[in-house]
Amino acid sequence: MNEQERTELEAAAFRRLVQHLRSRPDAQNIDLMNLAGFCRNCLSKWYKAAADDLDIEVSLDEARENVYGMPYAEWKKRYQKDATPEQQAAFDQGHKS
């Protein structure tokens, strides 16, 4: 496999991950963080960081819209639920310094 093929495969896998996350708004970000240690916001920040590394102009809002498939505020209004005390406790436990 050459470098171009690897890049194309990685891009395809990223697009598939983003599409999967868009199709599962029931999977709350806090649950993703508690289980996997990353969420849609993390993915958006990584996308922005990659753009910055390549000197490509992308705002964090644009990166979030790319991942969420809509403006972040709209996604939060439609799908984000308040964290339960149990979810928040698991998050706090997993992020102790």
PDB file of N, CA and C in Angstrom:
ATOM      1  N   MET A   1       0.855  -1.174   0.000  1.00  0.00           N
ATOM      2  CA  MET A   1       0.000   0.000   0.000  1.00  0.00           C
ATOM      3  C   MET A   1       0.897   1.233   0.000  1.00  0.00           C
ATOM      4  N   ASN A   2       0.582   2.158  -0.889  1.00  0.00           N
ATOM      5  CA  ASN A   2       1.380   3.383  -0.912  1.00  0.00           C
ATOM      6  C   ASN A   2       0.735   4.446  -0.005  1.00  0.00           C
ATOM      7  N   GLU A   3       1.402   5.562   0.144  1.00  0.00           N
ATOM      8  CA  GLU A   3       0.942   6.623   1.048  1.00  0.00           C
ATOM      9  C   GLU A   3      -0.417   7.186   0.624  1.00  0.00           C
ATOM     10  N   GLN A   4      -0.631   7.373  -0.656  1.00  0.00           N
ATOM     11  CA  GLN A   4      -1.907   7.900  -1.155  1.00  0.00           C
ATOM     12  C   GLN A   4      -3.049   6.932  -0.849  1.00  0.00           C
ATOM     13  N   GLU A   5      -2.824   5.656  -1.045  1.00  0.00           N
ATOM     14  CA  GLU A   5      -3.856   4.661  -0.748  1.00  0.00           C
ATOM     15  C   GLU A   5      -4.173   4.636   0.745  1.00  0.00           C
ATOM     16  N   ARG A   6      -3.135   4.718   1.562  1.00  0.00           N
ATOM     17  CA  ARG A   6      -3.337   4.746   3.019  1.00  0.00           C
ATOM     18  C   ARG A   6      -4.170   5.962   3.419  1.00  0.00           C
ATOM     19  N   THR A   7      -3.828   7.110   2.861  1.00  0.00           N
ATOM     20  CA  THR A   7      -4.569   8.337   3.160  1.00  0.00           C
ATOM     21  C   THR A   7      -6.029   8.209   2.734  1.00  0.00           C
ATOM     22  N   GLU A   8      -6.275   7.628   1.569  1.00  0.00           N
ATOM     23  CA  GLU A   8      -7.642   7.458   1.085  1.00  0.00           C
ATOM     24  C   GLU A   8      -8.429   6.500   1.978  1.00  0.00           C
ATOM     25  N   LEU A   9      -7.790   5.437   2.426  1.00  0.00           N
ATOM     26  CA  LEU A   9      -8.462   4.501   3.326  1.00  0.00           C
ATOM     27  C   LEU A   9      -8.775   5.152   4.670  1.00  0.00           C
ATOM     28  N   GLU A  10      -7.820   5.901   5.200  1.00  0.00           N
ATOM     29  CA  GLU A  10      -8.052   6.581   6.478  1.00  0.00           C
ATOM     30  C   GLU A  10      -9.181   7.601   6.347  1.00  0.00           C
ATOM     31  N   ALA A  11      -9.212   8.331   5.242  1.00  0.00           N
ATOM     32  CA  ALA A  11     -10.277   9.314   5.020  1.00  0.00           C
ATOM     33  C   ALA A  11     -11.631   8.623   4.919  1.00  0.00           C
ATOM     34  N   ALA A  12     -11.675   7.499   4.230  1.00  0.00           N
ATOM     35  CA  ALA A  12     -12.931   6.752   4.096  1.00  0.00           C
ATOM     36  C   ALA A  12     -13.387   6.233   5.456  1.00  0.00           C
ATOM     37  N   ALA A  13     -12.460   5.752   6.260  1.00  0.00           N
ATOM     38  CA  ALA A  13     -12.812   5.253   7.596  1.00  0.00           C
ATOM     39  C   ALA A  13     -13.317   6.399   8.469  1.00  0.00           C
ATOM     40  N   PHE A  14     -12.684   7.567   8.382  1.00  0.00           N
ATOM     41  CA  PHE A  14     -13.131   8.733   9.133  1.00  0.00           C
ATOM     42  C   PHE A  14     -14.549   9.114   8.723  1.00  0.00           C
ATOM     43  N   ARG A  15     -14.808   9.174   7.412  1.00  0.00           N
ATOM     44  CA  ARG A  15     -16.154   9.522   6.940  1.00  0.00           C
ATOM     45  C   ARG A  15     -17.179   8.504   7.436  1.00  0.00           C
ATOM     46  N   ARG A  16     -16.813   7.255   7.461  1.00  0.00           N
ATOM     47  CA  ARG A  16     -17.726   6.205   7.939  1.00  0.00           C
ATOM     48  C   ARG A  16     -18.003   6.367   9.435  1.00  0.00           C
ATOM     49  N   LEU A  17     -16.973   6.682  10.212  1.00  0.00           N
ATOM     50  CA  LEU A  17     -17.153   6.929  11.645  1.00  0.00           C
ATOM     51  C   LEU A  17     -18.083   8.117  11.862  1.00  0.00           C
ATOM     52  N   VAL A  18     -17.852   9.205  11.149  1.00  0.00           N
ATOM     53  CA  VAL A  18     -18.688  10.395  11.291  1.00  0.00           C
ATOM     54  C   VAL A  18     -20.133  10.069  10.919  1.00  0.00           C
ATOM     55  N   GLN A  19     -20.330   9.351   9.832  1.00  0.00           N
ATOM     56  CA  GLN A  19     -21.685   8.980   9.420  1.00  0.00           C
ATOM     57  C   GLN A  19     -22.356   8.101  10.479  1.00  0.00           C
ATOM     58  N   HIS A  20     -21.597   7.184  11.037  1.00  0.00           N
ATOM     59  CA  HIS A  20     -22.150   6.320  12.082  1.00  0.00           C
ATOM     60  C   HIS A  20     -22.571   7.148  13.300  1.00  0.00           C
ATOM     61  N   LEU A  21     -21.725   8.080  13.723  1.00  0.00           N
ATOM     62  CA  LEU A  21     -22.072   8.922  14.873  1.00  0.00           C
ATOM     63  C   LEU A  21     -23.288   9.791  14.571  1.00  0.00           C
ATOM     64  N   ARG A  22     -23.400  10.285  13.334  1.00  0.00           N
ATOM     65  CA  ARG A  22     -24.579  11.072  12.960  1.00  0.00           C
ATOM     66  C   ARG A  22     -25.847  10.229  13.012  1.00  0.00           C
ATOM     67  N   SER A  23     -25.724   8.956  12.693  1.00  0.00           N
ATOM     68  CA  SER A  23     -26.903   8.086  12.688  1.00  0.00           C
ATOM     69  C   SER A  23     -27.275   7.605  14.086  1.00  0.00           C
ATOM     70  N   ARG A  24     -26.447   7.909  15.073  1.00  0.00           N
ATOM     71  CA  ARG A  24     -26.699   7.458  16.443  1.00  0.00           C
ATOM     72  C   ARG A  24     -26.716   8.631  17.431  1.00  0.00           C
ATOM     73  N   PRO A  25     -27.637   9.584  17.254  1.00  0.00           N
ATOM     74  CA  PRO A  25     -27.689  10.692  18.210  1.00  0.00           C
ATOM     75  C   PRO A  25     -28.091  10.229  19.605  1.00  0.00           C
ATOM     76  N   ASP A  26     -28.608   9.006  19.721  1.00  0.00           N
ATOM     77  CA  ASP A  26     -28.940   8.460  21.035  1.00  0.00           C
ATOM     78  C   ASP A  26     -27.679   8.150  21.840  1.00  0.00           C
ATOM     79  N   ALA A  27     -26.559   7.984  21.163  1.00  0.00           N
ATOM     80  CA  ALA A  27     -25.286   7.759  21.862  1.00  0.00           C
ATOM     81  C   ALA A  27     -24.796   9.127  22.336  1.00  0.00           C
ATOM     82  N   GLN A  28     -25.010   9.396  23.603  1.00  0.00           N
ATOM     83  CA  GLN A  28     -24.672  10.694  24.162  1.00  0.00           C
ATOM     84  C   GLN A  28     -23.159  10.860  24.280  1.00  0.00           C
ATOM     85  N   ASN A  29     -22.701  12.100  24.131  1.00  0.00           N
ATOM     86  CA  ASN A  29     -21.266  12.368  24.216  1.00  0.00           C
ATOM     87  C   ASN A  29     -20.670  11.908  25.546  1.00  0.00           C
ATOM     88  N   ILE A  30     -21.394  12.118  26.627  1.00  0.00           N
ATOM     89  CA  ILE A  30     -20.845  11.716  27.926  1.00  0.00           C
ATOM     90  C   ILE A  30     -20.676  10.197  27.998  1.00  0.00           C
ATOM     91  N   ASP A  31     -21.590   9.448  27.377  1.00  0.00           N
ATOM     92  CA  ASP A  31     -21.440   7.993  27.344  1.00  0.00           C
ATOM     93  C   ASP A  31     -20.223   7.601  26.510  1.00  0.00           C
ATOM     94  N   LEU A  32     -20.033   8.272  25.373  1.00  0.00           N
ATOM     95  CA  LEU A  32     -18.844   8.008  24.557  1.00  0.00           C
ATOM     96  C   LEU A  32     -17.577   8.309  25.350  1.00  0.00           C
ATOM     97  N   MET A  33     -17.569   9.433  26.062  1.00  0.00           N
ATOM     98  CA  MET A  33     -16.393   9.794  26.873  1.00  0.00           C
ATOM     99  C   MET A  33     -16.142   8.756  27.964  1.00  0.00           C
ATOM    100  N   ASN A  34     -17.202   8.343  28.628  1.00  0.00           N
ATOM    101  CA  ASN A  34     -17.042   7.385  29.726  1.00  0.00           C
ATOM    102  C   ASN A  34     -16.581   6.024  29.222  1.00  0.00           C
ATOM    103  N   LEU A  35     -17.027   5.636  28.059  1.00  0.00           N
ATOM    104  CA  LEU A  35     -16.677   4.327  27.525  1.00  0.00           C
ATOM    105  C   LEU A  35     -15.378   4.331  26.733  1.00  0.00           C
ATOM    106  N   ALA A  36     -15.224   5.302  25.848  1.00  0.00           N
ATOM    107  CA  ALA A  36     -14.105   5.280  24.901  1.00  0.00           C
ATOM    108  C   ALA A  36     -13.061   6.370  25.140  1.00  0.00           C
ATOM    109  N   GLY A  37     -13.385   7.345  25.962  1.00  0.00           N
ATOM    110  CA  GLY A  37     -12.423   8.408  26.234  1.00  0.00           C
ATOM    111  C   GLY A  37     -12.392   9.498  25.171  1.00  0.00           C
ATOM    112  N   PHE A  38     -13.346   9.480  24.253  1.00  0.00           N
ATOM    113  CA  PHE A  38     -13.478  10.560  23.273  1.00  0.00           C
ATOM    114  C   PHE A  38     -14.947  10.663  22.865  1.00  0.00           C
ATOM    115  N   CYS A  39     -15.290  11.828  22.293  1.00  0.00           N
ATOM    116  CA  CYS A  39     -16.666  12.035  21.842  1.00  0.00           C
ATOM    117  C   CYS A  39     -16.658  12.846  20.555  1.00  0.00           C
ATOM    118  N   ARG A  40     -17.814  13.266  20.133  1.00  0.00           N
ATOM    119  CA  ARG A  40     -17.928  14.053  18.908  1.00  0.00           C
ATOM    120  C   ARG A  40     -17.148  15.361  19.022  1.00  0.00           C
ATOM    121  N   ASN A  41     -17.177  15.974  20.198  1.00  0.00           N
ATOM    122  CA  ASN A  41     -16.425  17.217  20.379  1.00  0.00           C
ATOM    123  C   ASN A  41     -14.928  16.982  20.242  1.00  0.00           C
ATOM    124  N   CYS A  42     -14.446  15.878  20.781  1.00  0.00           N
ATOM    125  CA  CYS A  42     -13.027  15.538  20.631  1.00  0.00           C
ATOM    126  C   CYS A  42     -12.686  15.372  19.162  1.00  0.00           C
ATOM    127  N   LEU A  43     -13.515  14.646  18.442  1.00  0.00           N
ATOM    128  CA  LEU A  43     -13.292  14.414  17.022  1.00  0.00           C
ATOM    129  C   LEU A  43     -13.275  15.744  16.263  1.00  0.00           C
ATOM    130  N   SER A  44     -14.160  16.649  16.636  1.00  0.00           N
ATOM    131  CA  SER A  44     -14.181  17.978  16.019  1.00  0.00           C
ATOM    132  C   SER A  44     -12.888  18.730  16.293  1.00  0.00           C
ATOM    133  N   LYS A  45     -12.402  18.659  17.508  1.00  0.00           N
ATOM    134  CA  LYS A  45     -11.150  19.342  17.871  1.00  0.00           C
ATOM    135  C   LYS A  45      -9.958  18.720  17.144  1.00  0.00           C
ATOM    136  N   TRP A  46      -9.951  17.406  16.978  1.00  0.00           N
ATOM    137  CA  TRP A  46      -8.872  16.751  16.226  1.00  0.00           C
ATOM    138  C   TRP A  46      -8.911  17.169  14.762  1.00  0.00           C
ATOM    139  N   TYR A  47     -10.106  17.294  14.204  1.00  0.00           N
ATOM    140  CA  TYR A  47     -10.284  17.743  12.819  1.00  0.00           C
ATOM    141  C   TYR A  47      -9.718  19.150  12.666  1.00  0.00           C
ATOM    142  N   LYS A  48     -10.059  20.032  13.603  1.00  0.00           N
ATOM    143  CA  LYS A  48      -9.557  21.411  13.588  1.00  0.00           C
ATOM    144  C   LYS A  48      -8.048  21.429  13.726  1.00  0.00           C
ATOM    145  N   ALA A  49      -7.501  20.625  14.622  1.00  0.00           N
ATOM    146  CA  ALA A  49      -6.049  20.580  14.817  1.00  0.00           C
ATOM    147  C   ALA A  49      -5.338  20.106  13.550  1.00  0.00           C
ATOM    148  N   ALA A  50      -5.925  19.132  12.869  1.00  0.00           N
ATOM    149  CA  ALA A  50      -5.344  18.648  11.612  1.00  0.00           C
ATOM    150  C   ALA A  50      -5.356  19.759  10.568  1.00  0.00           C
ATOM    151  N   ALA A  51      -6.455  20.508  10.501  1.00  0.00           N
ATOM    152  CA  ALA A  51      -6.523  21.638   9.569  1.00  0.00           C
ATOM    153  C   ALA A  51      -5.451  22.677   9.904  1.00  0.00           C
ATOM    154  N   ASP A  52      -5.302  22.965  11.189  1.00  0.00           N
ATOM    155  CA  ASP A  52      -4.279  23.922  11.613  1.00  0.00           C
ATOM    156  C   ASP A  52      -2.886  23.444  11.212  1.00  0.00           C
ATOM    157  N   ASP A  53      -2.617  22.158  11.411  1.00  0.00           N
ATOM    158  CA  ASP A  53      -1.309  21.593  11.050  1.00  0.00           C
ATOM    159  C   ASP A  53      -1.013  21.746   9.563  1.00  0.00           C
ATOM    160  N   LEU A  54      -2.069  21.719   8.748  1.00  0.00           N
ATOM    161  CA  LEU A  54      -1.912  21.817   7.295  1.00  0.00           C
ATOM    162  C   LEU A  54      -2.158  23.232   6.773  1.00  0.00           C
ATOM    163  N   ASP A  55      -2.269  24.195   7.708  1.00  0.00           N
ATOM    164  CA  ASP A  55      -2.541  25.595   7.350  1.00  0.00           C
ATOM    165  C   ASP A  55      -3.797  25.744   6.499  1.00  0.00           C
ATOM    166  N   ILE A  56      -4.844  24.995   6.875  1.00  0.00           N
ATOM    167  CA  ILE A  56      -6.143  25.088   6.221  1.00  0.00           C
ATOM    168  C   ILE A  56      -7.079  25.817   7.173  1.00  0.00           C
ATOM    169  N   GLU A  57      -7.739  26.852   6.676  1.00  0.00           N
ATOM    170  CA  GLU A  57      -8.646  27.641   7.502  1.00  0.00           C
ATOM    171  C   GLU A  57      -9.926  26.866   7.795  1.00  0.00           C
ATOM    172  N   VAL A  58     -10.083  26.431   9.030  1.00  0.00           N
ATOM    173  CA  VAL A  58     -11.307  25.776   9.489  1.00  0.00           C
ATOM    174  C   VAL A  58     -11.542  26.246  10.919  1.00  0.00           C
ATOM    175  N   SER A  59     -12.718  26.789  11.162  1.00  0.00           N
ATOM    176  CA  SER A  59     -13.048  27.200  12.526  1.00  0.00           C
ATOM    177  C   SER A  59     -13.519  25.985  13.318  1.00  0.00           C
ATOM    178  N   LEU A  60     -13.533  26.114  14.629  1.00  0.00           N
ATOM    179  CA  LEU A  60     -14.050  25.029  15.458  1.00  0.00           C
ATOM    180  C   LEU A  60     -15.529  24.794  15.155  1.00  0.00           C
ATOM    181  N   ASP A  61     -16.276  25.857  14.904  1.00  0.00           N
ATOM    182  CA  ASP A  61     -17.690  25.690  14.547  1.00  0.00           C
ATOM    183  C   ASP A  61     -17.840  24.913  13.243  1.00  0.00           C
ATOM    184  N   GLU A  62     -16.992  25.195  12.267  1.00  0.00           N
ATOM    185  CA  GLU A  62     -17.036  24.458  10.997  1.00  0.00           C
ATOM    186  C   GLU A  62     -16.670  22.996  11.208  1.00  0.00           C
ATOM    187  N   ALA A  63     -15.671  22.752  12.034  1.00  0.00           N
ATOM    188  CA  ALA A  63     -15.265  21.375  12.326  1.00  0.00           C
ATOM    189  C   ALA A  63     -16.397  20.629  13.018  1.00  0.00           C
ATOM    190  N   ARG A  64     -17.034  21.275  13.974  1.00  0.00           N
ATOM    191  CA  ARG A  64     -18.163  20.640  14.665  1.00  0.00           C
ATOM    192  C   ARG A  64     -19.300  20.340  13.704  1.00  0.00           C
ATOM    193  N   GLU A  65     -19.599  21.285  12.820  1.00  0.00           N
ATOM    194  CA  GLU A  65     -20.681  21.053  11.861  1.00  0.00           C
ATOM    195  C   GLU A  65     -20.340  19.888  10.934  1.00  0.00           C
ATOM    196  N   ASN A  66     -19.063  19.748  10.595  1.00  0.00           N
ATOM    197  CA  ASN A  66     -18.635  18.624   9.757  1.00  0.00           C
ATOM    198  C   ASN A  66     -18.883  17.306  10.480  1.00  0.00           C
ATOM    199  N   VAL A  67     -18.623  17.257  11.769  1.00  0.00           N
ATOM    200  CA  VAL A  67     -18.794  16.021  12.540  1.00  0.00           C
ATOM    201  C   VAL A  67     -20.265  15.789  12.888  1.00  0.00           C
ATOM    202  N   TYR A  68     -20.947  16.810  13.367  1.00  0.00           N
ATOM    203  CA  TYR A  68     -22.337  16.656  13.815  1.00  0.00           C
ATOM    204  C   TYR A  68     -23.338  16.616  12.665  1.00  0.00           C
ATOM    205  N   GLY A  69     -22.959  17.160  11.502  1.00  0.00           N
ATOM    206  CA  GLY A  69     -23.879  17.200  10.370  1.00  0.00           C
ATOM    207  C   GLY A  69     -24.868  18.350  10.441  1.00  0.00           C
ATOM    208  N   MET A  70     -24.673  19.239  11.378  1.00  0.00           N
ATOM    209  CA  MET A  70     -25.523  20.412  11.574  1.00  0.00           C
ATOM    210  C   MET A  70     -24.802  21.311  12.577  1.00  0.00           C
ATOM    211  N   PRO A  71     -25.227  22.559  12.706  1.00  0.00           N
ATOM    212  CA  PRO A  71     -24.599  23.403  13.728  1.00  0.00           C
ATOM    213  C   PRO A  71     -24.691  22.739  15.112  1.00  0.00           C
ATOM    214  N   TYR A  72     -23.630  22.883  15.881  1.00  0.00           N
ATOM    215  CA  TYR A  72     -23.541  22.241  17.191  1.00  0.00           C
ATOM    216  C   TYR A  72     -24.708  22.627  18.088  1.00  0.00           C
ATOM    217  N   ALA A  73     -25.080  23.906  18.096  1.00  0.00           N
ATOM    218  CA  ALA A  73     -26.188  24.354  18.955  1.00  0.00           C
ATOM    219  C   ALA A  73     -27.490  23.643  18.587  1.00  0.00           C
ATOM    220  N   GLU A  74     -27.708  23.423  17.294  1.00  0.00           N
ATOM    221  CA  GLU A  74     -28.909  22.719  16.857  1.00  0.00           C
ATOM    222  C   GLU A  74     -28.882  21.263  17.318  1.00  0.00           C
ATOM    223  N   TRP A  75     -27.709  20.598  17.187  1.00  0.00           N
ATOM    224  CA  TRP A  75     -27.597  19.211  17.618  1.00  0.00           C
ATOM    225  C   TRP A  75     -27.875  19.110  19.117  1.00  0.00           C
ATOM    226  N   LYS A  76     -27.268  20.022  19.899  1.00  0.00           N
ATOM    227  CA  LYS A  76     -27.491  19.999  21.345  1.00  0.00           C
ATOM    228  C   LYS A  76     -28.972  20.146  21.676  1.00  0.00           C
ATOM    229  N   LYS A  77     -29.637  21.071  20.987  1.00  0.00           N
ATOM    230  CA  LYS A  77     -31.064  21.303  21.247  1.00  0.00           C
ATOM    231  C   LYS A  77     -31.905  20.077  20.900  1.00  0.00           C
ATOM    232  N   ARG A  78     -31.580  19.432  19.794  1.00  0.00           N
ATOM    233  CA  ARG A  78     -32.356  18.274  19.342  1.00  0.00           C
ATOM    234  C   ARG A  78     -32.072  17.008  20.135  1.00  0.00           C
ATOM    235  N   TYR A  79     -30.810  16.761  20.464  1.00  0.00           N
ATOM    236  CA  TYR A  79     -30.426  15.429  20.920  1.00  0.00           C
ATOM    237  C   TYR A  79     -29.760  15.347  22.295  1.00  0.00           C
ATOM    238  N   GLN A  80     -29.088  16.391  22.731  1.00  0.00           N
ATOM    239  CA  GLN A  80     -28.321  16.263  23.971  1.00  0.00           C
ATOM    240  C   GLN A  80     -29.231  16.300  25.186  1.00  0.00           C
ATOM    241  N   LYS A  81     -29.025  15.330  26.044  1.00  0.00           N
ATOM    242  CA  LYS A  81     -29.774  15.257  27.293  1.00  0.00           C
ATOM    243  C   LYS A  81     -28.848  15.649  28.433  1.00  0.00           C
ATOM    244  N   ASP A  82     -29.424  16.087  29.534  1.00  0.00           N
ATOM    245  CA  ASP A  82     -28.621  16.368  30.719  1.00  0.00           C
ATOM    246  C   ASP A  82     -28.010  15.061  31.216  1.00  0.00           C
ATOM    247  N   ALA A  83     -26.779  15.144  31.656  1.00  0.00           N
ATOM    248  CA  ALA A  83     -26.112  13.963  32.203  1.00  0.00           C
ATOM    249  C   ALA A  83     -26.802  13.545  33.494  1.00  0.00           C
ATOM    250  N   THR A  84     -26.942  12.255  33.653  1.00  0.00           N
ATOM    251  CA  THR A  84     -27.483  11.744  34.914  1.00  0.00           C
ATOM    252  C   THR A  84     -26.388  11.857  35.972  1.00  0.00           C
ATOM    253  N   PRO A  85     -26.764  11.816  37.242  1.00  0.00           N
ATOM    254  CA  PRO A  85     -25.735  11.829  38.284  1.00  0.00           C
ATOM    255  C   PRO A  85     -24.731  10.678  38.110  1.00  0.00           C
ATOM    256  N   GLU A  86     -25.215   9.520  37.667  1.00  0.00           N
ATOM    257  CA  GLU A  86     -24.323   8.366  37.468  1.00  0.00           C
ATOM    258  C   GLU A  86     -23.349   8.621  36.319  1.00  0.00           C
ATOM    259  N   GLN A  87     -23.837   9.183  35.226  1.00  0.00           N
ATOM    260  CA  GLN A  87     -22.958   9.504  34.095  1.00  0.00           C
ATOM    261  C   GLN A  87     -21.901  10.521  34.509  1.00  0.00           C
ATOM    262  N   GLN A  88     -22.325  11.548  35.222  1.00  0.00           N
ATOM    263  CA  GLN A  88     -21.393  12.584  35.650  1.00  0.00           C
ATOM    264  C   GLN A  88     -20.361  12.031  36.627  1.00  0.00           C
ATOM    265  N   ALA A  89     -20.793  11.169  37.546  1.00  0.00           N
ATOM    266  CA  ALA A  89     -19.859  10.560  38.498  1.00  0.00           C
ATOM    267  C   ALA A  89     -18.830   9.703  37.769  1.00  0.00           C
ATOM    268  N   ALA A  90     -19.274   8.924  36.773  1.00  0.00           N
ATOM    269  CA  ALA A  90     -18.339   8.103  35.995  1.00  0.00           C
ATOM    270  C   ALA A  90     -17.357   8.984  35.239  1.00  0.00           C
ATOM    271  N   PHE A  91     -17.846  10.088  34.686  1.00  0.00           N
ATOM    272  CA  PHE A  91     -16.975  11.016  33.971  1.00  0.00           C
ATOM    273  C   PHE A  91     -15.945  11.613  34.928  1.00  0.00           C
ATOM    274  N   ASP A  92     -16.417  12.096  36.075  1.00  0.00           N
ATOM    275  CA  ASP A  92     -15.512  12.689  37.065  1.00  0.00           C
ATOM    276  C   ASP A  92     -14.466  11.694  37.541  1.00  0.00           C
ATOM    277  N   GLN A  93     -14.886  10.450  37.765  1.00  0.00           N
ATOM    278  CA  GLN A  93     -13.959   9.414  38.208  1.00  0.00           C
ATOM    279  C   GLN A  93     -12.889   9.132  37.147  1.00  0.00           C
ATOM    280  N   GLY A  94     -13.309   9.107  35.906  1.00  0.00           N
ATOM    281  CA  GLY A  94     -12.379   8.814  34.822  1.00  0.00           C
ATOM    282  C   GLY A  94     -11.452   9.951  34.454  1.00  0.00           C
ATOM    283  N   HIS A  95     -11.734  11.154  34.949  1.00  0.00           N
ATOM    284  CA  HIS A  95     -10.932  12.317  34.602  1.00  0.00           C
ATOM    285  C   HIS A  95     -10.278  12.973  35.811  1.00  0.00           C
ATOM    286  N   LYS A  96     -10.019  12.165  36.813  1.00  0.00           N
ATOM    287  CA  LYS A  96      -9.287  12.695  37.974  1.00  0.00           C
ATOM    288  C   LYS A  96      -7.838  12.895  37.585  1.00  0.00           C
ATOM    289  N   SER A  97      -7.262  13.963  38.077  1.00  0.00           N
ATOM    290  CA  SER A  97      -5.845  14.240  37.769  1.00  0.00           C
ATOM    291  C   SER A  97      -4.909  13.413  38.613  1.00  0.00           C
TER     292      SER A  97
END
